[in-house]
PDB file of N, CA and C in Angstrom:
ATOM      1  N   MET A   1      13.396  -9.231  75.712  1.00  0.00           N
ATOM      2  CA  MET A   1      14.219  -9.027  74.521  1.00  0.00           C
ATOM      3  C   MET A   1      14.009  -7.596  73.990  1.00  0.00           C
ATOM      4  N   MET A   2      12.760  -7.113  73.996  1.00  0.00           N
ATOM      5  CA  MET A   2      12.560  -5.749  73.484  1.00  0.00           C
ATOM      6  C   MET A   2      13.208  -4.733  74.421  1.00  0.00           C
ATOM      7  N   ALA A   3      13.300  -5.056  75.680  1.00  0.00           N
ATOM      8  CA  ALA A   3      13.937  -4.157  76.613  1.00  0.00           C
ATOM      9  C   ALA A   3      15.414  -3.978  76.262  1.00  0.00           C
ATOM     10  N   ALA A   4      16.081  -5.051  75.819  1.00  0.00           N
ATOM     11  CA  ALA A   4      17.498  -4.988  75.420  1.00  0.00           C
ATOM     12  C   ALA A   4      17.635  -4.093  74.175  1.00  0.00           C
ATOM     13  N   VAL A   5      16.710  -4.149  73.225  1.00  0.00           N
ATOM     14  CA  VAL A   5      16.755  -3.300  72.068  1.00  0.00           C
ATOM     15  C   VAL A   5      16.556  -1.849  72.430  1.00  0.00           C
ATOM     16  N   LEU A   6      15.611  -1.622  73.347  1.00  0.00           N
ATOM     17  CA  LEU A   6      15.375  -0.242  73.789  1.00  0.00           C
ATOM     18  C   LEU A   6      16.564   0.328  74.545  1.00  0.00           C
ATOM     19  N   ILE A   7      17.144  -0.444  75.399  1.00  0.00           N
ATOM     20  CA  ILE A   7      18.311   0.064  76.143  1.00  0.00           C
ATOM     21  C   ILE A   7      19.471   0.263  75.208  1.00  0.00           C
ATOM     22  N   ALA A   8      19.704  -0.634  74.193  1.00  0.00           N
ATOM     23  CA  ALA A   8      20.743  -0.414  73.270  1.00  0.00           C
ATOM     24  C   ALA A   8      20.566   0.875  72.456  1.00  0.00           C
ATOM     25  N   GLY A   9      19.290   1.153  72.090  1.00  0.00           N
ATOM     26  CA  GLY A   9      19.038   2.418  71.343  1.00  0.00           C
ATOM     27  C   GLY A   9      19.304   3.623  72.201  1.00  0.00           C
ATOM     28  N   MET A  10      18.911   3.562  73.483  1.00  0.00           N
ATOM     29  CA  MET A  10      19.185   4.696  74.355  1.00  0.00           C
ATOM     30  C   MET A  10      20.656   4.922  74.605  1.00  0.00           C
ATOM     31  N   VAL A  11      21.425   3.838  74.754  1.00  0.00           N
ATOM     32  CA  VAL A  11      22.888   3.949  74.917  1.00  0.00           C
ATOM     33  C   VAL A  11      23.496   4.539  73.635  1.00  0.00           C
ATOM     34  N   CYS A  12      23.033   4.100  72.509  1.00  0.00           N
ATOM     35  CA  CYS A  12      23.545   4.619  71.233  1.00  0.00           C
ATOM     36  C   CYS A  12      23.291   6.092  71.130  1.00  0.00           C
ATOM     37  N   LEU A  13      22.103   6.531  71.478  1.00  0.00           N
ATOM     38  CA  LEU A  13      21.811   7.972  71.436  1.00  0.00           C
ATOM     39  C   LEU A  13      22.650   8.711  72.433  1.00  0.00           C
ATOM     40  N   GLY A  14      22.892   8.139  73.619  1.00  0.00           N
ATOM     41  CA  GLY A  14      23.712   8.785  74.604  1.00  0.00           C
ATOM     42  C   GLY A  14      25.135   8.942  74.161  1.00  0.00           C
ATOM     43  N   LEU A  15      25.701   7.953  73.465  1.00  0.00           N
ATOM     44  CA  LEU A  15      27.104   8.015  73.037  1.00  0.00           C
ATOM     45  C   LEU A  15      27.281   8.843  71.770  1.00  0.00           C
ATOM     46  N   ALA A  16      26.444   8.597  70.763  1.00  0.00           N
ATOM     47  CA  ALA A  16      26.640   9.252  69.460  1.00  0.00           C
ATOM     48  C   ALA A  16      25.877  10.547  69.317  1.00  0.00           C
ATOM     49  N   GLY A  17      24.910  10.790  70.175  1.00  0.00           N
ATOM     50  CA  GLY A  17      24.101  12.016  70.072  1.00  0.00           C
ATOM     51  C   GLY A  17      22.917  11.777  69.105  1.00  0.00           C
ATOM     52  N   ASP A  18      22.183  12.848  68.933  1.00  0.00           N
ATOM     53  CA  ASP A  18      21.015  12.748  68.067  1.00  0.00           C
ATOM     54  C   ASP A  18      21.472  12.974  66.609  1.00  0.00           C
ATOM     55  N   TYR A  19      21.350  11.946  65.821  1.00  0.00           N
ATOM     56  CA  TYR A  19      21.818  12.037  64.425  1.00  0.00           C
ATOM     57  C   TYR A  19      20.752  11.381  63.537  1.00  0.00           C
ATOM     58  N   VAL A  20      20.775  11.727  62.284  1.00  0.00           N
ATOM     59  CA  VAL A  20      19.905  11.166  61.299  1.00  0.00           C
ATOM     60  C   VAL A  20      20.650  10.096  60.519  1.00  0.00           C
ATOM     61  N   TYR A  21      20.259   8.876  60.636  1.00  0.00           N
ATOM     62  CA  TYR A  21      21.039   7.755  60.039  1.00  0.00           C
ATOM     63  C   TYR A  21      21.002   7.817  58.495  1.00  0.00           C
ATOM     64  N   PHE A  22      19.839   8.036  57.933  1.00  0.00           N
ATOM     65  CA  PHE A  22      19.686   8.005  56.458  1.00  0.00           C
ATOM     66  C   PHE A  22      19.738   9.382  55.842  1.00  0.00           C
ATOM     67  N   GLY A  23      20.130  10.394  56.580  1.00  0.00           N
ATOM     68  CA  GLY A  23      20.138  11.722  56.022  1.00  0.00           C
ATOM     69  C   GLY A  23      18.840  12.416  56.206  1.00  0.00           C
ATOM     70  N   GLU A  24      18.728  13.623  55.667  1.00  0.00           N
ATOM     71  CA  GLU A  24      17.466  14.377  55.774  1.00  0.00           C
ATOM     72  C   GLU A  24      16.590  14.098  54.557  1.00  0.00           C
ATOM     73  N   MET A  25      15.329  13.905  54.816  1.00  0.00           N
ATOM     74  CA  MET A  25      14.390  13.702  53.712  1.00  0.00           C
ATOM     75  C   MET A  25      13.627  14.993  53.464  1.00  0.00           C
ATOM     76  N   ARG A  26      13.602  15.434  52.254  1.00  0.00           N
ATOM     77  CA  ARG A  26      12.963  16.667  51.931  1.00  0.00           C
ATOM     78  C   ARG A  26      11.732  16.459  51.018  1.00  0.00           C
ATOM     79  N   GLN A  27      11.525  15.239  50.543  1.00  0.00           N
ATOM     80  CA  GLN A  27      10.397  15.005  49.680  1.00  0.00           C
ATOM     81  C   GLN A  27       9.156  14.729  50.478  1.00  0.00           C
ATOM     82  N   THR A  28       8.029  15.210  49.971  1.00  0.00           N
ATOM     83  CA  THR A  28       6.741  14.954  50.627  1.00  0.00           C
ATOM     84  C   THR A  28       5.722  14.570  49.563  1.00  0.00           C
ATOM     85  N   LEU A  29       4.629  14.000  49.978  1.00  0.00           N
ATOM     86  CA  LEU A  29       3.531  13.645  49.101  1.00  0.00           C
ATOM     87  C   LEU A  29       2.371  14.604  49.320  1.00  0.00           C
ATOM     88  N   SER A  30       1.685  14.878  48.242  1.00  0.00           N
ATOM     89  CA  SER A  30       0.468  15.691  48.420  1.00  0.00           C
ATOM     90  C   SER A  30      -0.643  14.865  49.082  1.00  0.00           C
ATOM     91  N   VAL A  31      -1.669  15.533  49.540  1.00  0.00           N
ATOM     92  CA  VAL A  31      -2.738  14.832  50.210  1.00  0.00           C
ATOM     93  C   VAL A  31      -3.413  13.808  49.284  1.00  0.00           C
ATOM     94  N   ASN A  32      -3.600  14.171  48.027  1.00  0.00           N
ATOM     95  CA  ASN A  32      -4.219  13.210  47.090  1.00  0.00           C
ATOM     96  C   ASN A  32      -3.377  11.969  46.939  1.00  0.00           C
ATOM     97  N   HIS A  33      -2.086  12.127  46.836  1.00  0.00           N
ATOM     98  CA  HIS A  33      -1.213  10.952  46.671  1.00  0.00           C
ATOM     99  C   HIS A  33      -1.209  10.133  47.977  1.00  0.00           C
ATOM    100  N   ARG A  34      -1.248  10.785  49.105  1.00  0.00           N
ATOM    101  CA  ARG A  34      -1.251  10.020  50.379  1.00  0.00           C
ATOM    102  C   ARG A  34      -2.525   9.213  50.505  1.00  0.00           C
ATOM    103  N   LEU A  35      -3.646   9.802  50.106  1.00  0.00           N
ATOM    104  CA  LEU A  35      -4.926   9.070  50.178  1.00  0.00           C
ATOM    105  C   LEU A  35      -4.951   7.834  49.269  1.00  0.00           C
ATOM    106  N   PHE A  36      -4.164   7.835  48.229  1.00  0.00           N
ATOM    107  CA  PHE A  36      -4.075   6.672  47.363  1.00  0.00           C
ATOM    108  C   PHE A  36      -3.026   5.711  47.824  1.00  0.00           C
ATOM    109  N   VAL A  37      -1.864   6.163  48.242  1.00  0.00           N
ATOM    110  CA  VAL A  37      -0.719   5.326  48.532  1.00  0.00           C
ATOM    111  C   VAL A  37      -0.953   4.560  49.881  1.00  0.00           C
ATOM    112  N   SER A  38      -1.521   5.219  50.881  1.00  0.00           N
ATOM    113  CA  SER A  38      -1.699   4.609  52.187  1.00  0.00           C
ATOM    114  C   SER A  38      -2.521   3.333  52.124  1.00  0.00           C
ATOM    115  N   PRO A  39      -3.718   3.290  51.527  1.00  0.00           N
ATOM    116  CA  PRO A  39      -4.489   2.030  51.453  1.00  0.00           C
ATOM    117  C   PRO A  39      -3.757   0.970  50.643  1.00  0.00           C
ATOM    118  N   VAL A  40      -3.124   1.384  49.541  1.00  0.00           N
ATOM    119  CA  VAL A  40      -2.399   0.423  48.726  1.00  0.00           C
ATOM    120  C   VAL A  40      -1.255  -0.216  49.476  1.00  0.00           C
ATOM    121  N   ALA A  41      -0.499   0.575  50.183  1.00  0.00           N
ATOM    122  CA  ALA A  41       0.595   0.048  51.002  1.00  0.00           C
ATOM    123  C   ALA A  41       0.077  -0.848  52.088  1.00  0.00           C
ATOM    124  N   GLY A  42      -1.006  -0.468  52.734  1.00  0.00           N
ATOM    125  CA  GLY A  42      -1.663  -1.310  53.757  1.00  0.00           C
ATOM    126  C   GLY A  42      -2.126  -2.641  53.205  1.00  0.00           C
ATOM    127  N   LEU A  43      -2.723  -2.590  52.048  1.00  0.00           N
ATOM    128  CA  LEU A  43      -3.210  -3.836  51.401  1.00  0.00           C
ATOM    129  C   LEU A  43      -2.066  -4.749  51.024  1.00  0.00           C
ATOM    130  N   ILE A  44      -1.042  -4.194  50.422  1.00  0.00           N
ATOM    131  CA  ILE A  44       0.123  -5.020  50.022  1.00  0.00           C
ATOM    132  C   ILE A  44       0.801  -5.567  51.266  1.00  0.00           C
ATOM    133  N   GLY A  45       0.998  -4.737  52.275  1.00  0.00           N
ATOM    134  CA  GLY A  45       1.638  -5.246  53.511  1.00  0.00           C
ATOM    135  C   GLY A  45       0.825  -6.295  54.215  1.00  0.00           C
ATOM    136  N   GLY A  46      -0.540  -6.161  54.190  1.00  0.00           N
ATOM    137  CA  GLY A  46      -1.401  -7.152  54.808  1.00  0.00           C
ATOM    138  C   GLY A  46      -1.357  -8.491  54.073  1.00  0.00           C
ATOM    139  N   VAL A  47      -1.402  -8.434  52.752  1.00  0.00           N
ATOM    140  CA  VAL A  47      -1.324  -9.657  51.983  1.00  0.00           C
ATOM    141  C   VAL A  47       0.065 -10.329  52.168  1.00  0.00           C
ATOM    142  N   ALA A  48       1.094  -9.540  52.168  1.00  0.00           N
ATOM    143  CA  ALA A  48       2.434 -10.132  52.344  1.00  0.00           C
ATOM    144  C   ALA A  48       2.588 -10.746  53.738  1.00  0.00           C
ATOM    145  N   GLY A  49       2.047 -10.111  54.756  1.00  0.00           N
ATOM    146  CA  GLY A  49       2.110 -10.648  56.100  1.00  0.00           C
ATOM    147  C   GLY A  49       1.273 -11.943  56.214  1.00  0.00           C
ATOM    148  N   GLY A  50       0.095 -11.921  55.561  1.00  0.00           N
ATOM    149  CA  GLY A  50      -0.754 -13.155  55.577  1.00  0.00           C
ATOM    150  C   GLY A  50      -0.033 -14.321  54.865  1.00  0.00           C
ATOM    151  N   CYS A  51       0.584 -14.006  53.734  1.00  0.00           N
ATOM    152  CA  CYS A  51       1.316 -15.087  53.061  1.00  0.00           C
ATOM    153  C   CYS A  51       2.493 -15.619  53.877  1.00  0.00           C
ATOM    154  N   PHE A  52       3.202 -14.713  54.546  1.00  0.00           N
ATOM    155  CA  PHE A  52       4.287 -15.124  55.388  1.00  0.00           C
ATOM    156  C   PHE A  52       3.759 -16.010  56.545  1.00  0.00           C
ATOM    157  N   SER A  53       2.652 -15.592  57.169  1.00  0.00           N
ATOM    158  CA  SER A  53       2.108 -16.401  58.284  1.00  0.00           C
ATOM    159  C   SER A  53       1.676 -17.788  57.782  1.00  0.00           C
ATOM    160  N   ARG A  54       1.030 -17.824  56.616  1.00  0.00           N
ATOM    161  CA  ARG A  54       0.613 -19.108  56.059  1.00  0.00           C
ATOM    162  C   ARG A  54       1.785 -19.994  55.758  1.00  0.00           C
ATOM    163  N   LEU A  55       2.866 -19.412  55.255  1.00  0.00           N
ATOM    164  CA  LEU A  55       4.088 -20.168  54.979  1.00  0.00           C
ATOM    165  C   LEU A  55       4.704 -20.715  56.249  1.00  0.00           C
ATOM    166  N   MET A  56       4.748 -19.906  57.323  1.00  0.00           N
ATOM    167  CA  MET A  56       5.277 -20.334  58.601  1.00  0.00           C
ATOM    168  C   MET A  56       4.445 -21.472  59.229  1.00  0.00           C
ATOM    169  N   LEU A  57       3.160 -21.358  59.125  1.00  0.00           N
ATOM    170  CA  LEU A  57       2.295 -22.395  59.660  1.00  0.00           C
ATOM    171  C   LEU A  57       2.394 -23.694  58.904  1.00  0.00           C
ATOM    172  N   SER A  58       2.545 -23.589  57.569  1.00  0.00           N
ATOM    173  CA  SER A  58       2.665 -24.826  56.784  1.00  0.00           C
ATOM    174  C   SER A  58       4.067 -25.454  57.019  1.00  0.00           C
ATOM    175  N   ALA A  59       5.061 -24.626  57.308  1.00  0.00           N
ATOM    176  CA  ALA A  59       6.415 -25.186  57.515  1.00  0.00           C
ATOM    177  C   ALA A  59       6.427 -25.973  58.816  1.00  0.00           C
ATOM    178  N   GLY A  60       5.607 -25.664  59.758  1.00  0.00           N
ATOM    179  CA  GLY A  60       5.539 -26.432  61.030  1.00  0.00           C
ATOM    180  C   GLY A  60       4.896 -27.798  60.865  1.00  0.00           C
ATOM    181  N   ARG A  61       4.105 -27.968  59.827  1.00  0.00           N
ATOM    182  CA  ARG A  61       3.451 -29.254  59.604  1.00  0.00           C
ATOM    183  C   ARG A  61       4.161 -30.143  58.619  1.00  0.00           C
ATOM    184  N   THR A  62       5.369 -29.857  58.254  1.00  0.00           N
ATOM    185  CA  THR A  62       6.074 -30.660  57.291  1.00  0.00           C
ATOM    186  C   THR A  62       6.642 -31.929  57.943  1.00  0.00           C
ATOM    187  N   PRO A  63       6.738 -33.035  57.179  1.00  0.00           N
ATOM    188  CA  PRO A  63       7.344 -34.237  57.717  1.00  0.00           C
ATOM    189  C   PRO A  63       8.892 -34.177  57.795  1.00  0.00           C
ATOM    190  N   PHE A  64       9.461 -33.174  57.142  1.00  0.00           N
ATOM    191  CA  PHE A  64      10.888 -33.015  57.110  1.00  0.00           C
ATOM    192  C   PHE A  64      11.356 -32.508  58.490  1.00  0.00           C
ATOM    193  N   GLN A  65      11.976 -33.375  59.276  1.00  0.00           N
ATOM    194  CA  GLN A  65      12.236 -33.131  60.680  1.00  0.00           C
ATOM    195  C   GLN A  65      13.096 -31.859  60.989  1.00  0.00           C
ATOM    196  N   PRO A  66      14.154 -31.594  60.243  1.00  0.00           N
ATOM    197  CA  PRO A  66      14.898 -30.366  60.599  1.00  0.00           C
ATOM    198  C   PRO A  66      14.084 -29.067  60.451  1.00  0.00           C
ATOM    199  N   VAL A  67      13.134 -29.066  59.548  1.00  0.00           N
ATOM    200  CA  VAL A  67      12.287 -27.838  59.411  1.00  0.00           C
ATOM    201  C   VAL A  67      11.251 -27.805  60.522  1.00  0.00           C
ATOM    202  N   ALA A  68      10.638 -28.952  60.851  1.00  0.00           N
ATOM    203  CA  ALA A  68       9.597 -28.939  61.856  1.00  0.00           C
ATOM    204  C   ALA A  68      10.195 -28.673  63.212  1.00  0.00           C
TER     205      ALA A  68
END
């Protein structure tokens, strides 16, 4: 499945050329801001991923047959 995504991306680059989809980004963060934002983003992403995994595992144990 990932090979199909990779091939589709390569074909897209071959047909449309190298382009920037969301435009050019000119904003940057200072080193102090990066040192604060990176762990916070990692923590929030980890907690969100853990909650999603817990939700998916509990959905598999439900007695409601279409969900299980």
